[in-house]
Structures are given as structure tokens and as C-alpha cells.
Amino acid sequence: MSAVKILIIPGSLRTGSHNVRLAAAAARELARADVDATWLSLADYPLPIYDADLEAKSGVPKNAVGLKRMIGAHHGVLIVSPEYNSAPPPLLKNAIDWVSRVADPHEAPGQVFRDRAFALAAASEGKLGGARCLAALRLILTGCRAPVIPNQLALSFAHMAYDDDRLKLPADSAALQAMVRQLIDFAQQMMR
């Protein structure tokens, strides 16, 4: 069996983002598990706001196609998202909307979501740790028929959660490890 490949997508571009730090912690866990992990920045795939008229006129933007192909080159995807008003940020939601419109020959639009395992994490300075965003993001992805693993990580009080870019609390580290392990396991099952 070929090695598991996991794509990490932080849903934030902000300098010093707690979610980018959490994505980096997840990348370290994946490396410890000898998984081939790739980091993707949505800044490298700028997209206009989704508009069906724009799509009808100009087609799907090439960056949406590139992002879809990047997702398709991996067995699993970890999305680490900030919470804006109890929801994923527009940057992330817009990327999902555009990717859901991409169909390569001999596949349906959104097929890329159905063929790989997804995991979700969020970090927030609040006590809920982005849990409302994770519920909304899970709903969005299951609407795309993506298999989203049950384990997720909502990192509370993220401004105090790190020590030299490592998670301080054993419970947070254990939750991250459990989520990463489940993502790897699901991705391996989907490879069979």
C-alpha cells in the first residue's frame, strides 16, 4: 500500500494566527506518524467570491481547479479554521464553494470531496475553542458529501495554549494525537 498523504489547509492568513499554529502542531504529529503531509496556503489560490453568473460567463477559475487537484492528490485533508461569528471565515467557505464546482473529465462536480477523509480543527481564545465553527464546517462538508471523521479538535483559550509552539496541556496534545490518528486510519481505509 502506498504511503498516506495528508493535506493541511489552515483557514486563516492572519500573521500570528492561532489556527496556523495549531495546523503546525498537527503537521508535527503527522510527521511523527511518518505521514507525507503537505501544507497549503489559501493565499496561493486567490479566488473571486463565488457567483454562478461569473461561472457561467467565464467558467471555473484556474485557481479553483488547482486547489481541487491539490486536494485530489492527497488521501486525507485536515482543515484548521478560525471562527468568525460562529462560522468558518469567508475565505475558506468560498474556496469550498468553488472547488465543489470543479469536475475533471469522467467525474461529477465535487467528487474530490467524496473520495478522501476530512478532519476538522479550530483554535479560539474563547472557552468554546471554535466549536460552533466546526459544527458549521462539518455541515458544509457533509453537504458536499465529504466523509468527515468523528474526532475533531476545538482548542480553547488558544492564546495561552502554546509553549514554544507546542501545546502545553496534555489533554490538548492527546486530543490532537487522537484526531490525527483517526484521520490517518480513515484515509488508509479509503485507499483500499
C-alpha atoms as a PDB file:
ATOM      1  CA  MET A   1       0.000   0.000   0.000  1.00  0.00           C
ATOM      2  CA  SER A   2       1.305   3.475  -0.818  1.00  0.00           C
ATOM      3  CA  ALA A   3       2.072   5.977   1.925  1.00  0.00           C
ATOM      4  CA  VAL A   4      -0.781   8.089   3.252  1.00  0.00           C
ATOM      5  CA  LYS A   5      -0.704  11.671   2.031  1.00  0.00           C
ATOM      6  CA  ILE A   6      -2.476  14.336   4.098  1.00  0.00           C
ATOM      7  CA  LEU A   7      -3.115  17.923   3.023  1.00  0.00           C
ATOM      8  CA  ILE A   8      -3.230  20.581   5.753  1.00  0.00           C
ATOM      9  CA  ILE A   9      -5.297  23.678   4.980  1.00  0.00           C
ATOM     10  CA  PRO A  10      -5.299  26.493   7.521  1.00  0.00           C
ATOM     11  CA  GLY A  11      -8.389  28.662   7.030  1.00  0.00           C
ATOM     12  CA  SER A  12      -6.539  31.782   8.172  1.00  0.00           C
ATOM     13  CA  LEU A  13      -3.969  34.006   6.532  1.00  0.00           C
ATOM     14  CA  ARG A  14      -3.501  36.279   9.553  1.00  0.00           C
ATOM     15  CA  THR A  15       0.007  36.732  10.905  1.00  0.00           C
ATOM     16  CA  GLY A  16       0.254  35.029  14.280  1.00  0.00           C
ATOM     17  CA  SER A  17      -2.958  33.077  13.751  1.00  0.00           C
ATOM     18  CA  HIS A  18      -3.748  30.562  16.491  1.00  0.00           C
ATOM     19  CA  ASN A  19      -5.106  28.281  13.770  1.00  0.00           C
ATOM     20  CA  VAL A  20      -1.896  28.388  11.765  1.00  0.00           C
ATOM     21  CA  ARG A  21      -0.065  27.431  14.967  1.00  0.00           C
ATOM     22  CA  LEU A  22      -2.493  24.563  15.531  1.00  0.00           C
ATOM     23  CA  ALA A  23      -2.007  23.440  11.912  1.00  0.00           C
ATOM     24  CA  ALA A  24       1.766  23.450  12.524  1.00  0.00           C
ATOM     25  CA  ALA A  25       1.284  21.313  15.656  1.00  0.00           C
ATOM     26  CA  ALA A  26      -0.813  18.889  13.585  1.00  0.00           C
ATOM     27  CA  ALA A  27       1.894  18.803  10.909  1.00  0.00           C
ATOM     28  CA  ARG A  28       4.400  17.752  13.582  1.00  0.00           C
ATOM     29  CA  GLU A  29       2.061  14.969  14.743  1.00  0.00           C
ATOM     30  CA  LEU A  30       1.670  13.760  11.157  1.00  0.00           C
ATOM     31  CA  ALA A  31       5.451  13.786  10.715  1.00  0.00           C
ATOM     32  CA  ARG A  32       5.836  11.723  13.908  1.00  0.00           C
ATOM     33  CA  ALA A  33       3.428   9.196  12.370  1.00  0.00           C
ATOM     34  CA  ASP A  34       5.600   9.056   9.207  1.00  0.00           C
ATOM     35  CA  VAL A  35       2.816  10.523   7.087  1.00  0.00           C
ATOM     36  CA  ASP A  36       3.540  12.558   3.980  1.00  0.00           C
ATOM     37  CA  ALA A  37       1.948  15.909   4.916  1.00  0.00           C
ATOM     38  CA  THR A  38       1.655  18.927   2.623  1.00  0.00           C
ATOM     39  CA  TRP A  39       0.886  22.440   3.820  1.00  0.00           C
ATOM     40  CA  LEU A  40      -1.315  24.589   1.619  1.00  0.00           C
ATOM     41  CA  SER A  41      -1.980  28.322   1.990  1.00  0.00           C
ATOM     42  CA  LEU A  42      -5.218  29.634   0.528  1.00  0.00           C
ATOM     43  CA  ALA A  43      -3.239  32.805  -0.289  1.00  0.00           C
ATOM     44  CA  ASP A  44      -1.681  30.763  -3.111  1.00  0.00           C
ATOM     45  CA  TYR A  45      -5.149  30.131  -4.585  1.00  0.00           C
ATOM     46  CA  PRO A  46      -6.880  33.529  -4.709  1.00  0.00           C
ATOM     47  CA  LEU A  47     -10.490  33.236  -5.880  1.00  0.00           C
ATOM     48  CA  PRO A  48     -13.281  35.698  -6.606  1.00  0.00           C
ATOM     49  CA  ILE A  49     -16.405  35.453  -4.470  1.00  0.00           C
ATOM     50  CA  TYR A  50     -18.449  32.566  -5.839  1.00  0.00           C
ATOM     51  CA  ASP A  51     -21.022  33.815  -8.359  1.00  0.00           C
ATOM     52  CA  ALA A  52     -22.998  31.470 -10.626  1.00  0.00           C
ATOM     53  CA  ASP A  53     -23.218  34.173 -13.312  1.00  0.00           C
ATOM     54  CA  LEU A  54     -19.436  34.584 -13.262  1.00  0.00           C
ATOM     55  CA  GLU A  55     -19.054  30.818 -13.524  1.00  0.00           C
ATOM     56  CA  ALA A  56     -21.487  30.672 -16.469  1.00  0.00           C
ATOM     57  CA  LYS A  57     -19.674  33.519 -18.214  1.00  0.00           C
ATOM     58  CA  SER A  58     -16.034  32.652 -17.501  1.00  0.00           C
ATOM     59  CA  GLY A  59     -16.021  29.085 -16.204  1.00  0.00           C
ATOM     60  CA  VAL A  60     -14.387  27.885 -13.024  1.00  0.00           C
ATOM     61  CA  PRO A  61     -11.244  29.908 -12.153  1.00  0.00           C
ATOM     62  CA  LYS A  62      -7.938  28.137 -12.715  1.00  0.00           C
ATOM     63  CA  ASN A  63      -7.060  28.519  -9.016  1.00  0.00           C
ATOM     64  CA  ALA A  64     -10.187  26.536  -8.093  1.00  0.00           C
ATOM     65  CA  VAL A  65      -9.075  23.808 -10.485  1.00  0.00           C
ATOM     66  CA  GLY A  66      -5.569  23.892  -8.991  1.00  0.00           C
ATOM     67  CA  LEU A  67      -6.926  23.709  -5.459  1.00  0.00           C
ATOM     68  CA  LYS A  68      -9.203  20.814  -6.392  1.00  0.00           C
ATOM     69  CA  ARG A  69      -6.272  18.936  -7.917  1.00  0.00           C
ATOM     70  CA  MET A  70      -4.146  19.582  -4.847  1.00  0.00           C
ATOM     71  CA  ILE A  71      -6.880  18.115  -2.650  1.00  0.00           C
ATOM     72  CA  GLY A  72      -7.239  15.219  -5.092  1.00  0.00           C
ATOM     73  CA  ALA A  73      -3.534  14.394  -4.820  1.00  0.00           C
ATOM     74  CA  HIS A  74      -3.995  13.515  -1.125  1.00  0.00           C
ATOM     75  CA  HIS A  75      -5.791  10.746   0.767  1.00  0.00           C
ATOM     76  CA  GLY A  76      -6.935  12.998   3.594  1.00  0.00           C
ATOM     77  CA  VAL A  77      -7.424  16.671   4.351  1.00  0.00           C
ATOM     78  CA  LEU A  78      -7.107  18.482   7.672  1.00  0.00           C
ATOM     79  CA  ILE A  79      -8.823  21.866   7.752  1.00  0.00           C
ATOM     80  CA  VAL A  80      -7.901  24.126  10.672  1.00  0.00           C
ATOM     81  CA  SER A  81     -10.295  27.049  10.758  1.00  0.00           C
ATOM     82  CA  PRO A  82     -10.807  30.207  12.759  1.00  0.00           C
ATOM     83  CA  GLU A  83     -14.320  31.084  13.859  1.00  0.00           C
ATOM     84  CA  TYR A  84     -15.916  34.274  12.536  1.00  0.00           C
ATOM     85  CA  ASN A  85     -19.344  34.967  14.023  1.00  0.00           C
ATOM     86  CA  SER A  86     -19.873  31.268  14.814  1.00  0.00           C
ATOM     87  CA  ALA A  87     -18.958  30.198  11.276  1.00  0.00           C
ATOM     88  CA  PRO A  88     -15.949  29.463   9.050  1.00  0.00           C
ATOM     89  CA  PRO A  89     -14.326  32.543   7.513  1.00  0.00           C
ATOM     90  CA  PRO A  90     -15.445  33.646   4.040  1.00  0.00           C
ATOM     91  CA  LEU A  91     -12.003  32.759   2.627  1.00  0.00           C
ATOM     92  CA  LEU A  92     -12.477  29.086   3.487  1.00  0.00           C
ATOM     93  CA  LYS A  93     -16.176  28.851   2.626  1.00  0.00           C
ATOM     94  CA  ASN A  94     -15.558  30.476  -0.762  1.00  0.00           C
ATOM     95  CA  ALA A  95     -12.736  28.025  -1.538  1.00  0.00           C
ATOM     96  CA  ILE A  96     -15.020  25.089  -0.724  1.00  0.00           C
ATOM     97  CA  ASP A  97     -17.800  26.560  -2.881  1.00  0.00           C
ATOM     98  CA  TRP A  98     -15.523  26.945  -5.901  1.00  0.00           C
ATOM     99  CA  VAL A  99     -13.870  23.524  -5.512  1.00  0.00           C
ATOM    100  CA  SER A 100     -17.312  21.923  -5.360  1.00  0.00           C
ATOM    101  CA  ARG A 101     -17.909  23.246  -8.881  1.00  0.00           C
ATOM    102  CA  VAL A 102     -14.821  21.641 -10.440  1.00  0.00           C
ATOM    103  CA  ALA A 103     -15.281  18.434 -12.414  1.00  0.00           C
ATOM    104  CA  ASP A 104     -12.495  16.813 -14.363  1.00  0.00           C
ATOM    105  CA  PRO A 105     -13.496  14.510 -17.251  1.00  0.00           C
ATOM    106  CA  HIS A 106     -15.356  11.374 -16.150  1.00  0.00           C
ATOM    107  CA  GLU A 107     -16.273  12.698 -12.692  1.00  0.00           C
ATOM    108  CA  ALA A 108     -19.100  14.633 -11.120  1.00  0.00           C
ATOM    109  CA  PRO A 109     -18.656  18.127  -9.667  1.00  0.00           C
ATOM    110  CA  GLY A 110     -17.499  17.820  -6.070  1.00  0.00           C
ATOM    111  CA  GLN A 111     -16.243  14.248  -6.500  1.00  0.00           C
ATOM    112  CA  VAL A 112     -12.980  15.254  -4.842  1.00  0.00           C
ATOM    113  CA  PHE A 113     -14.825  15.705  -1.545  1.00  0.00           C
ATOM    114  CA  ARG A 114     -16.332  12.221  -1.615  1.00  0.00           C
ATOM    115  CA  ASP A 115     -13.105  10.335  -2.247  1.00  0.00           C
ATOM    116  CA  ARG A 116     -10.986  11.257   0.785  1.00  0.00           C
ATOM    117  CA  ALA A 117     -11.172  11.609   4.559  1.00  0.00           C
ATOM    118  CA  PHE A 118     -11.557  15.047   6.138  1.00  0.00           C
ATOM    119  CA  ALA A 119     -10.668  16.178   9.657  1.00  0.00           C
ATOM    120  CA  LEU A 120     -11.552  19.468  11.335  1.00  0.00           C
ATOM    121  CA  ALA A 121      -9.858  21.575  13.981  1.00  0.00           C
ATOM    122  CA  ALA A 122     -10.222  25.114  15.273  1.00  0.00           C
ATOM    123  CA  ALA A 123      -8.488  27.326  17.794  1.00  0.00           C
ATOM    124  CA  SER A 124     -10.029  30.268  19.570  1.00  0.00           C
ATOM    125  CA  GLU A 125      -9.235  32.482  22.524  1.00  0.00           C
ATOM    126  CA  GLY A 126     -12.721  31.705  23.882  1.00  0.00           C
ATOM    127  CA  LYS A 127     -13.778  28.764  26.012  1.00  0.00           C
ATOM    128  CA  LEU A 128     -15.594  27.003  23.140  1.00  0.00           C
ATOM    129  CA  GLY A 129     -12.427  26.839  21.031  1.00  0.00           C
ATOM    130  CA  GLY A 130     -14.227  27.394  17.729  1.00  0.00           C
ATOM    131  CA  ALA A 131     -16.724  24.568  18.289  1.00  0.00           C
ATOM    132  CA  ARG A 132     -19.564  26.476  16.581  1.00  0.00           C
ATOM    133  CA  CYS A 133     -17.397  26.972  13.501  1.00  0.00           C
ATOM    134  CA  LEU A 134     -16.576  23.270  13.470  1.00  0.00           C
ATOM    135  CA  ALA A 135     -20.282  22.380  13.543  1.00  0.00           C
ATOM    136  CA  ALA A 136     -20.933  24.744  10.621  1.00  0.00           C
ATOM    137  CA  LEU A 137     -17.919  23.464   8.688  1.00  0.00           C
ATOM    138  CA  ARG A 138     -18.954  19.840   9.268  1.00  0.00           C
ATOM    139  CA  LEU A 139     -22.416  20.708   7.888  1.00  0.00           C
ATOM    140  CA  ILE A 140     -20.899  22.385   4.813  1.00  0.00           C
ATOM    141  CA  LEU A 141     -18.570  19.460   4.074  1.00  0.00           C
ATOM    142  CA  THR A 142     -21.211  16.791   4.625  1.00  0.00           C
ATOM    143  CA  GLY A 143     -23.378  18.813   2.249  1.00  0.00           C
ATOM    144  CA  CYS A 144     -20.574  18.206  -0.265  1.00  0.00           C
ATOM    145  CA  ARG A 145     -20.823  14.520   0.743  1.00  0.00           C
ATOM    146  CA  ALA A 146     -17.348  14.562   2.251  1.00  0.00           C
ATOM    147  CA  PRO A 147     -16.612  11.861   4.832  1.00  0.00           C
ATOM    148  CA  VAL A 148     -15.632  13.883   7.918  1.00  0.00           C
ATOM    149  CA  ILE A 149     -14.111  11.873  10.746  1.00  0.00           C
ATOM    150  CA  PRO A 150     -15.896  11.956  14.116  1.00  0.00           C
ATOM    151  CA  ASN A 151     -12.890  13.264  16.091  1.00  0.00           C
ATOM    152  CA  GLN A 152     -12.312  16.974  15.883  1.00  0.00           C
ATOM    153  CA  LEU A 153     -10.328  19.443  17.954  1.00  0.00           C
ATOM    154  CA  ALA A 154     -11.697  22.693  19.367  1.00  0.00           C
ATOM    155  CA  LEU A 155      -8.720  24.328  21.105  1.00  0.00           C
ATOM    156  CA  SER A 156      -9.968  26.659  23.854  1.00  0.00           C
ATOM    157  CA  PHE A 157      -8.004  29.629  25.197  1.00  0.00           C
ATOM    158  CA  ALA A 158      -5.583  29.320  22.300  1.00  0.00           C
ATOM    159  CA  HIS A 159      -3.672  32.465  23.291  1.00  0.00           C
ATOM    160  CA  MET A 160      -2.458  30.513  26.360  1.00  0.00           C
ATOM    161  CA  ALA A 161      -2.292  27.019  24.831  1.00  0.00           C
ATOM    162  CA  TYR A 162       1.249  27.025  23.492  1.00  0.00           C
ATOM    163  CA  ASP A 163       4.730  26.807  24.941  1.00  0.00           C
ATOM    164  CA  ASP A 164       7.380  27.329  22.267  1.00  0.00           C
ATOM    165  CA  ASP A 165       4.804  26.365  19.594  1.00  0.00           C
ATOM    166  CA  ARG A 166       3.996  23.108  21.411  1.00  0.00           C
ATOM    167  CA  LEU A 167       0.650  22.522  23.063  1.00  0.00           C
ATOM    168  CA  LYS A 168       1.095  22.924  26.826  1.00  0.00           C
ATOM    169  CA  LEU A 169      -1.782  20.865  28.182  1.00  0.00           C
ATOM    170  CA  PRO A 170      -1.554  17.074  27.960  1.00  0.00           C
ATOM    171  CA  ALA A 171      -5.307  16.909  27.237  1.00  0.00           C
ATOM    172  CA  ASP A 172      -4.903  19.180  24.187  1.00  0.00           C
ATOM    173  CA  SER A 173      -1.944  17.128  22.933  1.00  0.00           C
ATOM    174  CA  ALA A 174      -3.884  13.901  23.431  1.00  0.00           C
ATOM    175  CA  ALA A 175      -6.907  15.292  21.565  1.00  0.00           C
ATOM    176  CA  LEU A 176      -4.678  16.373  18.664  1.00  0.00           C
ATOM    177  CA  GLN A 177      -2.975  12.967  18.548  1.00  0.00           C
ATOM    178  CA  ALA A 178      -6.329  11.147  18.597  1.00  0.00           C
ATOM    179  CA  MET A 179      -7.687  13.284  15.759  1.00  0.00           C
ATOM    180  CA  VAL A 180      -4.549  12.802  13.643  1.00  0.00           C
ATOM    181  CA  ARG A 181      -4.573   9.036  14.272  1.00  0.00           C
ATOM    182  CA  GLN A 182      -8.235   8.767  13.270  1.00  0.00           C
ATOM    183  CA  LEU A 183      -7.621  10.820  10.110  1.00  0.00           C
ATOM    184  CA  ILE A 184      -4.749   8.524   9.141  1.00  0.00           C
ATOM    185  CA  ASP A 185      -6.836   5.412   9.838  1.00  0.00           C
ATOM    186  CA  PHE A 186      -9.807   6.666   7.794  1.00  0.00           C
ATOM    187  CA  ALA A 187      -7.540   7.746   4.928  1.00  0.00           C
ATOM    188  CA  GLN A 188      -5.922   4.291   4.885  1.00  0.00           C
ATOM    189  CA  GLN A 189      -9.353   2.620   4.788  1.00  0.00           C
ATOM    190  CA  MET A 190     -10.385   4.803   1.853  1.00  0.00           C
ATOM    191  CA  MET A 191      -7.217   3.845  -0.031  1.00  0.00           C
ATOM    192  CA  ARG A 192      -8.251   0.153  -0.071  1.00  0.00           C
END
